[in-house]
Amino acid sequence: MKKINYHRQLEACLGEIAERGERPRLLLHACCAPCSSYCLEFLSEYFDITVFYYNPNIYPQEEYYKRVSEIKRFLGEFPLKNKAELSEGEYKPSDYFDAVKGLEDIKEGGERCEACFRLRLKAAARAAEEGGFDFFTTTLTISPLKNAEKLNKIGMEEAEKAGVKWLPSDFKKKNGYKHSIELSAEYNLYRQDYCGCIFSRRERQEEKRKSTLADKE
């Protein structure tokens, strides 16, 4: 089966929007400030954006609020072509743990992550429908560690259920991820070293422990 180029689909959609001279409203689900940086810079050319910060997977609570604070700071400092607003979803970790129940021991990148994607994109689709947005999408596809195909598939499924339009994306393409790192450095953004959940945090800590032991040998 031929692999779908979601970035090309995004460019085609943006081209149609530009031709029509429209400025649609976009609900952009965001996971953190660094990942949002390039996505916002790129998309603000075409949309009126509301950043939807819904991430009940983040652990611990202090980490969640640190990331919220950082994205608020970035939105206030970054000179977007058109200013973006922030909408914060409910931080209820129990919703995340319910969504991944039985998948706790699966390695990062597997079914547990897919369940987490589904939880967040379902909430984003609902918020887009309730808010009357023209499109919704997520910054998650900018990460080289996230499967853009899975994210777009889930996004399209949840969009159809909610009756809203999904904006396809693979923001890591065309040096998007590289540029997000450059913007993070320029604005001194806090870059976490794990995805966000308690399981990815444990995996990262174990990797560090093994690396430290290897260095001592």
Protein backbone atom coordinates (compact mmCIF):
# COMPACT_ATOMS: atom_id res chain seq x y z
CA MET A 1 0.00 0.00 0.00
CA LYS A 2 1.34 3.40 -1.00
CA LYS A 3 2.25 5.61 1.94
CA ILE A 4 0.12 8.74 2.25
CA ASN A 5 1.95 12.05 2.18
CA TYR A 6 -0.02 14.03 4.75
CA HIS A 7 2.12 17.11 4.39
CA ARG A 8 1.28 17.22 0.69
CA GLN A 9 -2.39 16.92 1.60
CA LEU A 10 -1.97 19.82 4.02
CA GLU A 11 -0.31 21.97 1.38
CA ALA A 12 -3.13 21.23 -1.07
CA CYS A 13 -5.74 22.21 1.53
CA LEU A 14 -3.89 25.43 2.35
CA GLY A 15 -3.62 26.22 -1.34
CA GLU A 16 -7.39 25.93 -1.72
CA ILE A 17 -7.95 28.17 1.29
CA ALA A 18 -5.58 30.79 -0.10
CA GLU A 19 -7.27 30.70 -3.51
CA ARG A 20 -10.67 31.30 -1.95
CA GLY A 21 -9.30 34.19 0.08
CA GLU A 22 -10.79 32.73 3.23
CA ARG A 23 -9.50 32.74 6.77
CA PRO A 24 -11.03 29.71 8.53
CA ARG A 25 -11.01 29.08 12.26
CA LEU A 26 -8.68 26.30 13.40
CA LEU A 27 -8.61 24.49 16.72
CA LEU A 28 -5.01 23.35 17.19
CA HIS A 29 -4.54 20.68 19.81
CA ALA A 30 -1.14 21.35 21.41
CA CYS A 31 1.06 19.09 23.50
CA CYS A 32 3.71 21.65 24.51
CA ALA A 33 5.24 24.99 23.56
CA PRO A 34 8.25 23.63 21.61
CA CYS A 35 6.07 21.46 19.36
CA SER A 36 3.58 24.30 18.93
CA SER A 37 6.17 26.87 17.90
CA TYR A 38 6.68 25.98 14.25
CA CYS A 39 3.08 24.78 13.82
CA LEU A 40 1.77 28.16 14.95
CA GLU A 41 4.21 30.09 12.81
CA PHE A 42 3.26 28.06 9.75
CA LEU A 43 -0.51 27.89 10.25
CA SER A 44 -1.12 31.47 11.38
CA GLU A 45 -0.61 32.51 7.76
CA TYR A 46 -3.90 30.80 6.89
CA PHE A 47 -6.07 30.49 10.00
CA ASP A 48 -7.46 32.22 13.04
CA ILE A 49 -6.12 29.81 15.64
CA THR A 50 -7.26 28.71 19.05
CA VAL A 51 -4.70 26.53 20.79
CA PHE A 52 -6.47 23.72 22.63
CA TYR A 53 -4.32 22.50 25.49
CA TYR A 54 -5.81 19.19 26.56
CA ASN A 55 -3.29 16.69 27.93
CA PRO A 56 -4.54 14.69 30.95
CA ASN A 57 -1.72 12.21 30.27
CA ILE A 58 0.97 14.52 31.63
CA TYR A 59 2.63 13.47 34.88
CA PRO A 60 3.24 14.76 37.46
CA GLN A 61 0.87 17.67 38.06
CA GLU A 62 3.78 20.10 38.40
CA GLU A 63 4.94 19.11 34.91
CA TYR A 64 1.48 19.76 33.49
CA TYR A 65 1.31 23.29 34.87
CA LYS A 66 4.89 24.00 33.83
CA ARG A 67 3.98 23.15 30.23
CA VAL A 68 0.79 25.20 30.37
CA SER A 69 2.72 28.19 31.69
CA GLU A 70 5.32 27.86 28.95
CA ILE A 71 2.79 27.78 26.12
CA LYS A 72 1.06 30.84 27.58
CA ARG A 73 4.40 32.66 27.69
CA PHE A 74 5.21 31.69 24.13
CA LEU A 75 1.84 32.87 22.81
CA GLY A 76 2.41 36.20 24.52
CA GLU A 77 5.91 36.70 23.14
CA PHE A 78 5.93 35.15 19.68
CA PRO A 79 5.04 37.60 16.86
CA LEU A 80 2.49 35.53 14.95
CA LYS A 81 0.97 37.03 11.83
CA ASN A 82 -2.39 36.74 13.57
CA LYS A 83 -2.60 36.36 17.32
CA ALA A 84 -3.66 32.94 18.63
CA GLU A 85 -5.85 32.32 21.66
CA LEU A 86 -5.46 29.60 24.27
CA SER A 87 -8.23 27.30 25.46
CA GLU A 88 -7.27 24.95 28.28
CA GLY A 89 -9.10 21.65 28.58
CA GLU A 90 -9.79 19.87 31.85
CA TYR A 91 -6.78 18.31 33.52
CA LYS A 92 -8.20 15.05 34.82
CA PRO A 93 -5.48 12.35 34.91
CA SER A 94 -8.04 9.66 35.78
CA ASP A 95 -9.43 9.99 32.23
CA TYR A 96 -6.03 9.10 30.85
CA PHE A 97 -5.53 6.13 33.16
CA ASP A 98 -9.01 4.84 32.26
CA ALA A 99 -8.16 5.16 28.55
CA VAL A 100 -4.92 3.15 28.84
CA LYS A 101 -6.10 0.57 31.37
CA GLY A 102 -4.57 -2.80 30.56
CA LEU A 103 -1.93 -1.22 28.32
CA GLU A 104 0.38 0.04 31.03
CA ASP A 105 3.24 -2.36 30.25
CA ILE A 106 3.28 -1.80 26.50
CA LYS A 107 6.40 -0.07 25.23
CA GLU A 108 6.29 3.59 24.21
CA GLY A 109 4.92 4.05 20.70
CA GLY A 110 2.48 1.13 20.84
CA GLU A 111 -1.19 0.65 21.66
CA ARG A 112 -1.02 2.70 24.84
CA CYS A 113 0.09 5.74 22.86
CA GLU A 114 -2.67 5.16 20.31
CA ALA A 115 -5.25 5.11 23.12
CA CYS A 116 -3.79 8.36 24.42
CA PHE A 117 -3.93 9.93 20.95
CA ARG A 118 -7.56 8.86 20.66
CA LEU A 119 -8.47 10.35 24.03
CA ARG A 120 -6.99 13.74 23.20
CA LEU A 121 -8.14 13.97 19.59
CA LYS A 122 -11.66 12.90 20.53
CA ALA A 123 -11.76 15.78 23.02
CA ALA A 124 -10.35 18.14 20.39
CA ALA A 125 -12.99 17.05 17.85
CA ARG A 126 -15.72 17.63 20.40
CA ALA A 127 -14.35 21.07 21.28
CA ALA A 128 -14.09 21.97 17.58
CA GLU A 129 -17.68 20.93 16.98
CA GLU A 130 -18.98 22.78 20.04
CA GLY A 131 -16.97 25.90 19.18
CA GLY A 132 -18.04 25.99 15.54
CA PHE A 133 -14.48 25.68 14.20
CA ASP A 134 -13.88 25.02 10.52
CA PHE A 135 -10.98 22.60 11.13
CA PHE A 136 -9.03 20.94 13.90
CA THR A 137 -5.64 19.24 14.01
CA THR A 138 -2.76 18.51 16.39
CA THR A 139 0.87 19.52 16.86
CA LEU A 140 1.75 15.91 17.71
CA THR A 141 2.74 15.08 14.12
CA ILE A 142 5.81 17.32 14.40
CA SER A 143 7.59 14.80 16.60
CA PRO A 144 9.87 12.25 14.88
CA LEU A 145 8.79 9.84 17.63
CA LYS A 146 5.09 10.09 16.79
CA ASN A 147 3.46 8.10 13.99
CA ALA A 148 1.84 10.65 11.67
CA GLU A 149 -0.15 7.97 9.87
CA LYS A 150 -1.77 6.77 13.09
CA LEU A 151 -2.45 10.32 14.24
CA ASN A 152 -4.10 11.32 10.98
CA LYS A 153 -6.16 8.13 10.87
CA ILE A 154 -7.45 8.71 14.41
CA GLY A 155 -8.02 12.40 13.70
CA MET A 156 -10.10 11.64 10.62
CA GLU A 157 -12.15 9.05 12.47
CA GLU A 158 -12.92 11.39 15.34
CA ALA A 159 -13.65 14.24 12.92
CA GLU A 160 -16.24 12.12 11.13
CA LYS A 161 -17.90 11.17 14.42
CA ALA A 162 -18.07 14.80 15.55
CA GLY A 163 -19.08 16.20 12.17
CA VAL A 164 -16.08 18.51 11.80
CA LYS A 165 -13.15 18.75 9.36
CA TRP A 166 -9.76 17.29 10.12
CA LEU A 167 -6.73 19.17 8.81
CA PRO A 168 -4.18 16.54 7.72
CA SER A 169 -0.59 17.16 8.71
CA ASP A 170 2.91 15.86 9.12
CA PHE A 171 4.57 18.95 10.56
CA LYS A 172 7.99 17.32 10.85
CA LYS A 173 8.30 17.47 7.04
CA LYS A 174 10.16 20.29 5.26
CA ASN A 175 12.43 20.71 8.32
CA GLY A 176 9.47 21.53 10.55
CA TYR A 177 10.91 19.67 13.53
CA LYS A 178 14.32 21.25 13.00
CA HIS A 179 12.78 24.70 12.91
CA SER A 180 10.83 24.01 16.11
CA ILE A 181 14.14 23.28 17.84
CA GLU A 182 15.56 26.56 16.53
CA LEU A 183 12.52 28.50 17.76
CA SER A 184 12.73 26.75 21.13
CA ALA A 185 16.32 27.91 21.49
CA GLU A 186 15.50 31.44 20.35
CA TYR A 187 12.67 31.82 22.88
CA ASN A 188 14.36 29.73 25.57
CA LEU A 189 11.44 27.32 25.71
CA TYR A 190 11.36 24.54 28.26
CA ARG A 191 11.93 21.28 26.36
CA GLN A 192 10.95 18.22 28.36
CA ASP A 193 12.94 15.01 27.86
CA TYR A 194 9.94 12.66 27.90
CA CYS A 195 6.58 12.59 26.17
CA GLY A 196 4.55 13.42 29.24
CA CYS A 197 2.96 10.35 30.82
CA ILE A 198 4.24 8.47 33.84
CA PHE A 199 5.17 5.50 31.65
CA SER A 200 7.30 7.50 29.22
CA ARG A 201 8.91 9.21 32.21
CA ARG A 202 9.85 5.85 33.71
CA GLU A 203 11.28 4.66 30.41
CA ARG A 204 13.35 7.82 30.10
CA GLN A 205 14.65 7.50 33.67
CA GLU A 206 15.63 3.88 33.00
CA GLU A 207 17.46 4.92 29.81
CA LYS A 208 19.38 7.53 31.79
CA ARG A 209 20.23 4.99 34.50
CA LYS A 210 21.60 2.51 31.95
CA SER A 211 23.54 5.25 30.19
CA THR A 212 25.11 6.35 33.48
CA LEU A 213 26.10 2.78 34.32
CA ALA A 214 27.60 2.31 30.85
CA ASP A 215 29.66 5.49 31.24
CA LYS A 216 31.07 4.21 34.54
CA GLU A 217 32.18 0.90 33.08
